[in-house]
Amino acid sequence: MGTIINIDKKNTYSLVGVFTNMFGGDPGGLNRDVLEWVGSSPAANHSSVLPILENCKIIGAGFKWISNQLPSLTIGQSWTVNVYKLNNPLTDSVTISANYTLVGNLGITLTSADSGTYVGKFSSPLNIILSAGDMIRIAGDEIGSIATTTDDGQLTVLFQTI
């Protein structure tokens, strides 16, 4: 008998990004708090756009604060991390919000229960399917009028090739 090899094992990898100046601006041109990928060009060069090189799915995410001051959200306010896909990567401008379609929620939402004390959150298992050639942005969407702050948060996204 030969050796059994697990041919079903999938390749997984993670990417890290930073939400800079959360609730205080629009670094990526989408009228949202846009994730800037670590090690990429400055926001002025739209480093929040991530080209998908092979068929994959987002299977998990983790968020943690990296600033000293945590936001103060009141009841009725929330901030949710979503995934947006560029409608036509060959012709659409990456800086126009109307060119993106919401394709998934990373299962990370901050509410008044997280204000001031919560340092991190993890998603439940996810299955957001992406295809080679897609261009995505990950953004934090606000409900309510969250006070302007300079908080920074780090997001680690786990991908699996399919």
C-alpha atoms as a PDB file:
ATOM      1  CA  MET A   1       0.000   0.000   0.000  1.00  0.00           C
ATOM      2  CA  GLY A   2       1.237   3.475  -0.849  1.00  0.00           C
ATOM      3  CA  THR A   3       1.144   6.633   1.208  1.00  0.00           C
ATOM      4  CA  ILE A   4      -2.207   8.431   1.400  1.00  0.00           C
ATOM      5  CA  ILE A   5      -1.958  12.085   0.362  1.00  0.00           C
ATOM      6  CA  ASN A   6      -4.668  14.553   1.311  1.00  0.00           C
ATOM      7  CA  ILE A   7      -5.548  16.071  -2.067  1.00  0.00           C
ATOM      8  CA  ASP A   8      -8.484  18.033  -0.601  1.00  0.00           C
ATOM      9  CA  LYS A   9      -6.264  20.339   1.443  1.00  0.00           C
ATOM     10  CA  LYS A  10      -6.872  23.941   0.357  1.00  0.00           C
ATOM     11  CA  ASN A  11      -4.356  26.747   0.284  1.00  0.00           C
ATOM     12  CA  THR A  12      -5.186  29.461   2.810  1.00  0.00           C
ATOM     13  CA  TYR A  13      -3.508  32.814   3.276  1.00  0.00           C
ATOM     14  CA  SER A  14      -4.158  36.025   5.179  1.00  0.00           C
ATOM     15  CA  LEU A  15      -3.816  39.683   4.302  1.00  0.00           C
ATOM     16  CA  VAL A  16      -3.629  42.546   6.805  1.00  0.00           C
ATOM     17  CA  GLY A  17      -5.044  46.025   6.342  1.00  0.00           C
ATOM     18  CA  VAL A  18      -5.532  49.149   8.439  1.00  0.00           C
ATOM     19  CA  PHE A  19      -8.541  51.405   8.825  1.00  0.00           C
ATOM     20  CA  THR A  20      -6.812  54.775   9.316  1.00  0.00           C
ATOM     21  CA  ASN A  21      -8.559  57.737  10.929  1.00  0.00           C
ATOM     22  CA  MET A  22     -11.782  55.800  11.413  1.00  0.00           C
ATOM     23  CA  PHE A  23     -14.909  57.945  11.447  1.00  0.00           C
ATOM     24  CA  GLY A  24     -12.738  60.953  10.543  1.00  0.00           C
ATOM     25  CA  GLY A  25     -12.471  60.908   6.794  1.00  0.00           C
ATOM     26  CA  ASP A  26     -12.779  59.119   3.501  1.00  0.00           C
ATOM     27  CA  PRO A  27      -9.295  57.866   2.583  1.00  0.00           C
ATOM     28  CA  GLY A  28     -10.429  55.679  -0.281  1.00  0.00           C
ATOM     29  CA  GLY A  29     -12.983  57.769  -2.157  1.00  0.00           C
ATOM     30  CA  LEU A  30     -16.046  55.645  -1.325  1.00  0.00           C
ATOM     31  CA  ASN A  31     -17.652  57.838   1.362  1.00  0.00           C
ATOM     32  CA  ARG A  32     -16.821  55.036   3.810  1.00  0.00           C
ATOM     33  CA  ASP A  33     -13.924  54.084   6.088  1.00  0.00           C
ATOM     34  CA  VAL A  34     -11.869  52.104   3.563  1.00  0.00           C
ATOM     35  CA  LEU A  35      -9.303  49.458   4.461  1.00  0.00           C
ATOM     36  CA  GLU A  36      -5.782  50.239   3.228  1.00  0.00           C
ATOM     37  CA  TRP A  37      -3.692  47.102   2.710  1.00  0.00           C
ATOM     38  CA  VAL A  38      -0.492  47.037   4.772  1.00  0.00           C
ATOM     39  CA  GLY A  39       2.639  47.542   2.672  1.00  0.00           C
ATOM     40  CA  SER A  40       0.735  49.087  -0.234  1.00  0.00           C
ATOM     41  CA  SER A  41       0.864  52.577  -1.708  1.00  0.00           C
ATOM     42  CA  PRO A  42      -0.648  55.580   0.111  1.00  0.00           C
ATOM     43  CA  ALA A  43      -4.399  56.078   0.058  1.00  0.00           C
ATOM     44  CA  ALA A  44      -4.029  58.762  -2.617  1.00  0.00           C
ATOM     45  CA  ASN A  45      -2.979  55.949  -4.942  1.00  0.00           C
ATOM     46  CA  HIS A  46      -6.048  53.893  -3.971  1.00  0.00           C
ATOM     47  CA  SER A  47      -4.163  51.150  -2.172  1.00  0.00           C
ATOM     48  CA  SER A  48      -7.473  49.936  -0.806  1.00  0.00           C
ATOM     49  CA  VAL A  49      -8.259  48.247  -4.137  1.00  0.00           C
ATOM     50  CA  LEU A  50      -7.308  44.563  -3.983  1.00  0.00           C
ATOM     51  CA  PRO A  51      -7.054  42.601  -7.256  1.00  0.00           C
ATOM     52  CA  ILE A  52      -8.078  38.960  -6.865  1.00  0.00           C
ATOM     53  CA  LEU A  53      -5.542  36.790  -8.690  1.00  0.00           C
ATOM     54  CA  GLU A  54      -7.209  33.379  -8.358  1.00  0.00           C
ATOM     55  CA  ASN A  55     -10.601  31.958  -7.504  1.00  0.00           C
ATOM     56  CA  CYS A  56     -10.958  32.102  -3.737  1.00  0.00           C
ATOM     57  CA  LYS A  57     -13.302  32.733  -0.874  1.00  0.00           C
ATOM     58  CA  ILE A  58     -13.054  34.829   2.258  1.00  0.00           C
ATOM     59  CA  ILE A  59     -13.433  32.391   5.137  1.00  0.00           C
ATOM     60  CA  GLY A  60     -12.792  34.585   8.178  1.00  0.00           C
ATOM     61  CA  ALA A  61     -11.672  37.944   9.551  1.00  0.00           C
ATOM     62  CA  GLY A  62     -10.401  39.440  12.777  1.00  0.00           C
ATOM     63  CA  PHE A  63     -10.436  43.090  13.894  1.00  0.00           C
ATOM     64  CA  LYS A  64      -8.400  44.795  16.625  1.00  0.00           C
ATOM     65  CA  TRP A  65      -7.844  48.384  17.748  1.00  0.00           C
ATOM     66  CA  ILE A  66      -4.356  49.773  17.208  1.00  0.00           C
ATOM     67  CA  SER A  67      -4.980  53.273  18.516  1.00  0.00           C
ATOM     68  CA  ASN A  68      -4.930  54.530  22.093  1.00  0.00           C
ATOM     69  CA  GLN A  69      -8.428  55.966  22.126  1.00  0.00           C
ATOM     70  CA  LEU A  70     -11.456  53.813  21.396  1.00  0.00           C
ATOM     71  CA  PRO A  71     -14.584  55.358  19.883  1.00  0.00           C
ATOM     72  CA  SER A  72     -17.698  56.158  21.811  1.00  0.00           C
ATOM     73  CA  LEU A  73     -20.717  54.837  19.950  1.00  0.00           C
ATOM     74  CA  THR A  74     -24.191  55.528  21.289  1.00  0.00           C
ATOM     75  CA  ILE A  75     -27.326  53.404  20.992  1.00  0.00           C
ATOM     76  CA  GLY A  76     -28.459  53.338  17.370  1.00  0.00           C
ATOM     77  CA  GLN A  77     -24.962  53.851  15.973  1.00  0.00           C
ATOM     78  CA  SER A  78     -22.962  51.026  14.428  1.00  0.00           C
ATOM     79  CA  TRP A  79     -20.016  50.358  12.132  1.00  0.00           C
ATOM     80  CA  THR A  80     -20.047  47.221   9.949  1.00  0.00           C
ATOM     81  CA  VAL A  81     -17.235  45.801   7.769  1.00  0.00           C
ATOM     82  CA  ASN A  82     -18.425  44.975   4.233  1.00  0.00           C
ATOM     83  CA  VAL A  83     -16.855  43.708   0.999  1.00  0.00           C
ATOM     84  CA  TYR A  84     -17.496  45.583  -2.268  1.00  0.00           C
ATOM     85  CA  LYS A  85     -16.646  44.379  -5.774  1.00  0.00           C
ATOM     86  CA  LEU A  86     -15.885  46.680  -8.708  1.00  0.00           C
ATOM     87  CA  ASN A  87     -18.625  46.128 -11.296  1.00  0.00           C
ATOM     88  CA  ASN A  88     -16.356  46.223 -14.364  1.00  0.00           C
ATOM     89  CA  PRO A  89     -12.638  46.005 -13.536  1.00  0.00           C
ATOM     90  CA  LEU A  90     -11.626  46.773 -17.137  1.00  0.00           C
ATOM     91  CA  THR A  91     -13.448  50.093 -17.493  1.00  0.00           C
ATOM     92  CA  ASP A  92     -14.803  51.373 -14.154  1.00  0.00           C
ATOM     93  CA  SER A  93     -13.002  54.038 -12.135  1.00  0.00           C
ATOM     94  CA  VAL A  94     -11.890  52.661  -8.766  1.00  0.00           C
ATOM     95  CA  THR A  95     -12.659  55.982  -7.045  1.00  0.00           C
ATOM     96  CA  ILE A  96     -16.395  56.201  -7.787  1.00  0.00           C
ATOM     97  CA  SER A  97     -18.619  54.544  -5.189  1.00  0.00           C
ATOM     98  CA  ALA A  98     -21.420  53.854  -7.714  1.00  0.00           C
ATOM     99  CA  ASN A  99     -19.041  51.482  -9.534  1.00  0.00           C
ATOM    100  CA  TYR A 100     -19.033  49.023  -6.611  1.00  0.00           C
ATOM    101  CA  THR A 101     -21.578  46.429  -5.516  1.00  0.00           C
ATOM    102  CA  LEU A 102     -21.879  45.025  -1.997  1.00  0.00           C
ATOM    103  CA  VAL A 103     -21.002  41.306  -2.139  1.00  0.00           C
ATOM    104  CA  GLY A 104     -20.674  40.353   1.512  1.00  0.00           C
ATOM    105  CA  ASN A 105     -20.466  41.234   5.174  1.00  0.00           C
ATOM    106  CA  LEU A 106     -17.425  40.163   7.200  1.00  0.00           C
ATOM    107  CA  GLY A 107     -19.545  39.627  10.305  1.00  0.00           C
ATOM    108  CA  ILE A 108     -17.739  42.327  12.292  1.00  0.00           C
ATOM    109  CA  THR A 109     -19.977  45.081  13.648  1.00  0.00           C
ATOM    110  CA  LEU A 110     -19.136  47.596  16.368  1.00  0.00           C
ATOM    111  CA  THR A 111     -22.000  48.965  18.470  1.00  0.00           C
ATOM    112  CA  SER A 112     -22.411  50.922  21.711  1.00  0.00           C
ATOM    113  CA  ALA A 113     -21.629  47.684  23.606  1.00  0.00           C
ATOM    114  CA  ASP A 114     -18.079  47.825  22.179  1.00  0.00           C
ATOM    115  CA  SER A 115     -17.378  51.479  23.041  1.00  0.00           C
ATOM    116  CA  GLY A 116     -14.265  52.229  25.024  1.00  0.00           C
ATOM    117  CA  THR A 117     -13.420  48.721  26.165  1.00  0.00           C
ATOM    118  CA  TYR A 118     -13.618  46.220  23.322  1.00  0.00           C
ATOM    119  CA  VAL A 119     -10.216  45.555  21.778  1.00  0.00           C
ATOM    120  CA  GLY A 120     -11.038  42.958  19.135  1.00  0.00           C
ATOM    121  CA  LYS A 121     -13.669  40.935  17.288  1.00  0.00           C
ATOM    122  CA  PHE A 122     -13.670  37.841  15.094  1.00  0.00           C
ATOM    123  CA  SER A 123     -16.089  36.865  12.366  1.00  0.00           C
ATOM    124  CA  SER A 124     -18.022  33.651  12.357  1.00  0.00           C
ATOM    125  CA  PRO A 125     -17.112  31.285   9.477  1.00  0.00           C
ATOM    126  CA  LEU A 126     -17.620  33.035   6.132  1.00  0.00           C
ATOM    127  CA  ASN A 127     -18.053  31.950   2.531  1.00  0.00           C
ATOM    128  CA  ILE A 128     -17.709  35.054   0.329  1.00  0.00           C
ATOM    129  CA  ILE A 129     -16.809  33.763  -3.149  1.00  0.00           C
ATOM    130  CA  LEU A 130     -14.456  35.816  -5.359  1.00  0.00           C
ATOM    131  CA  SER A 131     -13.209  35.102  -8.882  1.00  0.00           C
ATOM    132  CA  ALA A 132      -9.851  35.686 -10.511  1.00  0.00           C
ATOM    133  CA  GLY A 133      -9.967  39.162 -12.068  1.00  0.00           C
ATOM    134  CA  ASP A 134     -12.302  40.659  -9.452  1.00  0.00           C
ATOM    135  CA  MET A 135     -11.252  43.928  -7.807  1.00  0.00           C
ATOM    136  CA  ILE A 136     -12.529  44.445  -4.267  1.00  0.00           C
ATOM    137  CA  ARG A 137     -12.543  46.979  -1.476  1.00  0.00           C
ATOM    138  CA  ILE A 138     -13.299  46.304   2.162  1.00  0.00           C
ATOM    139  CA  ALA A 139     -14.983  49.194   3.930  1.00  0.00           C
ATOM    140  CA  GLY A 140     -16.574  50.122   7.241  1.00  0.00           C
ATOM    141  CA  ASP A 141     -20.111  51.449   6.843  1.00  0.00           C
ATOM    142  CA  GLU A 142     -21.600  53.688   9.536  1.00  0.00           C
ATOM    143  CA  ILE A 143     -25.168  53.865  10.814  1.00  0.00           C
ATOM    144  CA  GLY A 144     -25.903  57.127  12.592  1.00  0.00           C
ATOM    145  CA  SER A 145     -23.543  60.072  13.084  1.00  0.00           C
ATOM    146  CA  ILE A 146     -20.498  58.613  14.827  1.00  0.00           C
ATOM    147  CA  ALA A 147     -18.325  61.345  16.294  1.00  0.00           C
ATOM    148  CA  THR A 148     -15.206  62.143  14.284  1.00  0.00           C
ATOM    149  CA  THR A 149     -12.150  60.513  15.821  1.00  0.00           C
ATOM    150  CA  THR A 150      -8.670  59.462  14.768  1.00  0.00           C
ATOM    151  CA  ASP A 151      -8.958  55.821  15.831  1.00  0.00           C
ATOM    152  CA  ASP A 152      -7.075  53.178  13.847  1.00  0.00           C
ATOM    153  CA  GLY A 153      -8.056  49.538  13.513  1.00  0.00           C
ATOM    154  CA  GLN A 154      -6.359  46.531  11.976  1.00  0.00           C
ATOM    155  CA  LEU A 155      -8.225  43.885   9.988  1.00  0.00           C
ATOM    156  CA  THR A 156      -6.803  40.477   9.103  1.00  0.00           C
ATOM    157  CA  VAL A 157      -8.709  38.696   6.320  1.00  0.00           C
ATOM    158  CA  LEU A 158      -8.359  34.945   5.743  1.00  0.00           C
ATOM    159  CA  PHE A 159      -8.672  33.728   2.142  1.00  0.00           C
ATOM    160  CA  GLN A 160      -8.847  30.173   0.793  1.00  0.00           C
ATOM    161  CA  THR A 161      -8.210  29.248  -2.838  1.00  0.00           C
ATOM    162  CA  ILE A 162     -10.927  27.205  -4.554  1.00  0.00           C
END
